[in-house]
Protein backbone atom coordinates (compact mmCIF):
# COMPACT_ATOMS: atom_id res chain seq x y z
CA MET A 1 -166.92 -22.11 -166.88
CA THR A 2 -163.75 -23.64 -168.32
CA GLU A 3 -165.68 -25.75 -170.83
CA ALA A 4 -166.54 -22.80 -173.09
CA PRO A 5 -162.96 -21.64 -173.58
CA ASN A 6 -161.88 -25.27 -174.17
CA ALA A 7 -164.64 -25.77 -176.72
CA LEU A 8 -163.72 -22.52 -178.47
CA GLY A 9 -160.08 -23.55 -178.43
CA ALA A 10 -160.91 -26.92 -179.95
CA ILE A 11 -163.06 -25.32 -182.66
CA SER A 12 -160.31 -22.82 -183.36
CA ALA A 13 -157.70 -25.60 -183.64
CA LYS A 14 -159.93 -27.52 -186.08
CA LEU A 15 -160.47 -24.41 -188.18
CA ASN A 16 -156.74 -23.67 -188.24
CA LYS A 17 -155.94 -27.23 -189.33
CA SER A 18 -158.65 -27.33 -192.01
CA GLY A 19 -157.72 -23.84 -193.14
CA ASP A 20 -154.26 -25.09 -194.09
CA GLU A 21 -155.95 -27.35 -196.67
CA VAL A 22 -159.02 -25.35 -197.64
CA LEU A 23 -157.44 -21.90 -198.13
CA PRO A 24 -154.86 -22.95 -200.75
CA PHE A 25 -157.50 -24.85 -202.71
CA LEU A 26 -159.92 -21.90 -202.56
CA ALA A 27 -157.17 -19.42 -203.50
CA ARG A 28 -156.29 -21.52 -206.57
CA PHE A 29 -159.97 -21.96 -207.42
CA VAL A 30 -160.70 -18.22 -207.16
CA PHE A 31 -157.56 -17.41 -209.16
CA ALA A 32 -158.70 -19.82 -211.90
CA ALA A 33 -162.31 -18.59 -211.83
CA VAL A 34 -161.43 -14.88 -211.91
CA LEU A 35 -158.01 -14.47 -213.46
CA LEU A 36 -156.96 -17.50 -215.52
CA ILE A 37 -158.93 -16.64 -218.66
CA TYR A 38 -158.22 -12.93 -218.13
CA PHE A 39 -154.46 -13.52 -218.37
CA TRP A 40 -154.70 -16.12 -221.13
CA ASN A 41 -156.85 -13.80 -223.26
CA SER A 42 -154.38 -11.00 -222.64
CA GLY A 43 -151.57 -13.30 -223.72
CA MET A 44 -153.49 -14.26 -226.87
CA THR A 45 -153.69 -10.62 -227.96
CA LYS A 46 -149.88 -10.48 -227.92
CA LEU A 47 -149.24 -13.46 -230.20
CA GLY A 48 -147.95 -12.87 -233.68
CA GLU A 49 -148.80 -14.94 -236.75
CA GLY A 50 -148.08 -18.65 -237.07
CA VAL A 51 -146.97 -21.45 -234.82
CA LEU A 52 -144.05 -19.48 -233.42
CA GLY A 53 -146.11 -16.31 -233.02
CA ILE A 54 -145.06 -16.07 -229.41
CA PHE A 55 -141.56 -15.14 -230.63
CA SER A 56 -142.83 -12.52 -233.09
CA PRO A 57 -145.24 -10.53 -230.92
CA SER A 58 -148.05 -8.52 -232.43
CA LEU A 59 -147.98 -4.75 -232.77
CA GLY A 60 -150.60 -4.66 -230.03
CA ALA A 61 -148.25 -6.51 -227.69
CA TYR A 62 -145.67 -3.75 -227.93
CA ALA A 63 -148.37 -1.10 -227.66
CA GLN A 64 -149.75 -2.68 -224.48
CA VAL A 65 -146.40 -3.16 -222.76
CA PHE A 66 -144.53 -0.10 -224.05
CA PRO A 67 -147.23 2.38 -225.02
CA LYS A 68 -145.12 5.54 -224.82
CA ALA A 69 -142.14 3.99 -226.62
CA MET A 70 -144.43 2.77 -229.38
CA GLU A 71 -145.99 6.20 -229.75
CA ALA A 72 -142.56 7.79 -229.91
CA ALA A 73 -141.52 5.24 -232.57
CA GLY A 74 -144.61 6.01 -234.65
CA TYR A 75 -145.89 2.49 -233.96
CA ASP A 76 -142.99 1.06 -235.95
CA VAL A 77 -141.78 -2.00 -234.03
CA SER A 78 -138.49 -2.03 -235.94
CA GLN A 79 -137.58 1.16 -234.08
CA LEU A 80 -137.56 -0.74 -230.78
CA GLY A 81 -134.66 -2.89 -229.63
CA LEU A 82 -133.89 -6.36 -228.32
CA PHE A 83 -134.79 -5.30 -224.78
CA HIS A 84 -138.36 -4.42 -225.80
CA TRP A 85 -138.72 -7.70 -227.69
CA ALA A 86 -137.41 -9.74 -224.74
CA VAL A 87 -139.71 -8.04 -222.25
CA VAL A 88 -142.77 -8.54 -224.46
CA VAL A 89 -141.95 -12.19 -225.17
CA ALA A 90 -141.17 -12.94 -221.50
CA GLY A 91 -144.37 -11.20 -220.39
CA THR A 92 -146.42 -13.09 -222.93
CA ILE A 93 -144.97 -16.43 -221.89
CA ALA A 94 -145.58 -15.51 -218.25
CA GLU A 95 -149.26 -14.79 -218.99
CA PHE A 96 -149.68 -18.40 -220.14
CA VAL A 97 -147.26 -20.36 -217.97
CA LEU A 98 -147.68 -18.79 -214.52
CA PRO A 99 -151.50 -19.09 -214.41
CA LEU A 100 -151.23 -22.69 -215.71
CA LEU A 101 -148.77 -23.57 -212.94
CA ILE A 102 -151.12 -22.11 -210.35
CA LEU A 103 -154.11 -23.93 -211.85
CA ILE A 104 -152.50 -27.35 -211.61
CA GLY A 105 -150.61 -26.54 -208.42
CA LEU A 106 -147.08 -27.03 -209.75
CA LEU A 107 -144.28 -24.88 -208.31
CA THR A 108 -147.15 -22.90 -206.88
CA ARG A 109 -145.24 -20.66 -204.49
CA LEU A 110 -142.78 -19.62 -207.19
CA ALA A 111 -145.58 -19.16 -209.74
CA ALA A 112 -147.59 -17.01 -207.28
CA LEU A 113 -144.52 -14.89 -206.57
CA GLY A 114 -144.02 -14.47 -210.32
CA MET A 115 -147.66 -13.48 -210.73
CA ILE A 116 -147.33 -10.85 -208.02
CA GLY A 117 -144.34 -9.41 -209.86
CA PHE A 118 -146.36 -9.51 -213.08
CA VAL A 119 -149.30 -7.72 -211.44
CA VAL A 120 -146.98 -5.03 -210.06
CA VAL A 121 -145.42 -4.43 -213.50
CA GLN A 122 -148.87 -4.53 -215.12
CA SER A 123 -150.14 -1.96 -212.61
CA LEU A 124 -147.20 0.36 -213.11
CA THR A 125 -147.61 0.09 -216.87
CA ASP A 126 -151.31 0.95 -216.53
CA LEU A 127 -150.52 3.94 -214.34
CA TYR A 128 -147.48 5.37 -216.11
CA GLY A 129 -147.67 4.00 -219.63
CA HIS A 130 -151.41 4.26 -220.16
CA ASN A 131 -151.94 7.43 -218.12
CA GLY A 132 -153.85 5.61 -215.41
CA PHE A 133 -153.40 8.46 -212.95
CA GLU A 134 -155.43 10.72 -215.22
CA ASN A 135 -157.94 8.01 -216.19
CA GLY A 136 -158.88 7.31 -212.59
CA VAL A 137 -157.94 3.62 -212.53
CA LEU A 138 -155.74 3.97 -209.44
CA GLY A 139 -158.63 4.25 -206.98
CA ALA A 140 -158.12 4.89 -203.30
CA TRP A 141 -158.13 2.76 -200.22
CA PHE A 142 -160.31 3.54 -197.21
CA ASP A 143 -162.91 5.31 -199.29
CA ARG A 144 -166.50 4.33 -199.88
CA LEU A 145 -165.84 2.98 -203.41
CA ALA A 146 -164.50 -0.48 -204.16
CA ASP A 147 -164.00 -0.11 -207.87
CA GLY A 148 -160.44 1.16 -208.22
CA VAL A 149 -158.76 -1.11 -210.76
CA ILE A 150 -155.28 -0.84 -209.25
CA LEU A 151 -155.61 -0.36 -205.50
CA ASP A 152 -158.90 -2.19 -204.99
CA GLN A 153 -159.05 -5.04 -207.50
CA ARG A 154 -155.37 -5.85 -207.65
CA ALA A 155 -155.06 -5.81 -203.87
CA PHE A 156 -157.43 -8.81 -203.84
CA TRP A 157 -155.46 -10.48 -206.63
CA VAL A 158 -152.26 -10.11 -204.63
CA LEU A 159 -153.95 -11.33 -201.44
CA CYS A 160 -155.09 -14.46 -203.25
CA LEU A 161 -151.52 -15.02 -204.51
CA LEU A 162 -150.02 -14.35 -201.06
CA ILE A 163 -152.16 -17.16 -199.63
CA LEU A 164 -150.47 -19.50 -202.14
CA ILE A 165 -147.02 -18.21 -201.25
CA PHE A 166 -147.55 -18.70 -197.51
CA LYS A 167 -149.73 -21.85 -197.54
CA GLY A 168 -148.57 -23.61 -200.72
CA ALA A 169 -150.83 -25.30 -203.25
CA GLY A 170 -152.76 -27.53 -200.87
CA ALA A 171 -153.71 -31.18 -201.01
CA LEU A 172 -155.20 -31.24 -204.53
CA SER A 173 -152.06 -30.24 -206.39
CA VAL A 174 -149.15 -31.57 -208.37
CA ASP A 175 -146.86 -30.05 -205.75
CA ARG A 176 -148.35 -32.38 -203.11
CA LEU A 177 -147.88 -35.39 -205.39
CA LEU A 178 -144.29 -34.50 -206.19
CA PHE A 179 -143.05 -33.00 -202.95
CA LYS A 180 -145.38 -34.58 -200.38
CA LYS A 181 -145.46 -32.21 -197.37
CA ALA A 182 -143.10 -29.58 -198.80
CA ASP A 183 -145.76 -27.86 -200.97
């Protein structure tokens, strides 16, 4: 009678140990498969002209990040200040750098934390700046629908990122090469 609990305990211990390696890899893989190109494409829409276009964001960049301020300024970027420029440039850089760091597994915990912050700001912008409350993108938890952009989809995004914060990047990562067991 004691063999079954011992066998279950052994299986559970093996799953726990392998989960420490498999979950971070899978979280990074799913992030790359689902969100990497999404964020990079979003960042591309914000680039201005030329090689240094990242420092002269497009009109669309300002309209995406500060929709109500742009509308109030008559879509004249010169009416916005240094703060608006800095936020748009920082957000654009984040859309390229943070997903890349997660993809290669470098500074993964910090990058995942940054991505969670980015997703929160993105969600608030969608809700308040782009009238998401009226457009039905919020969704609702514990309902029969799983298609709410904010509460449903982004909850899974954040869960994926939380795995990386708590478990690190895993064995196949630059973090493991650089920091050995401290990933």
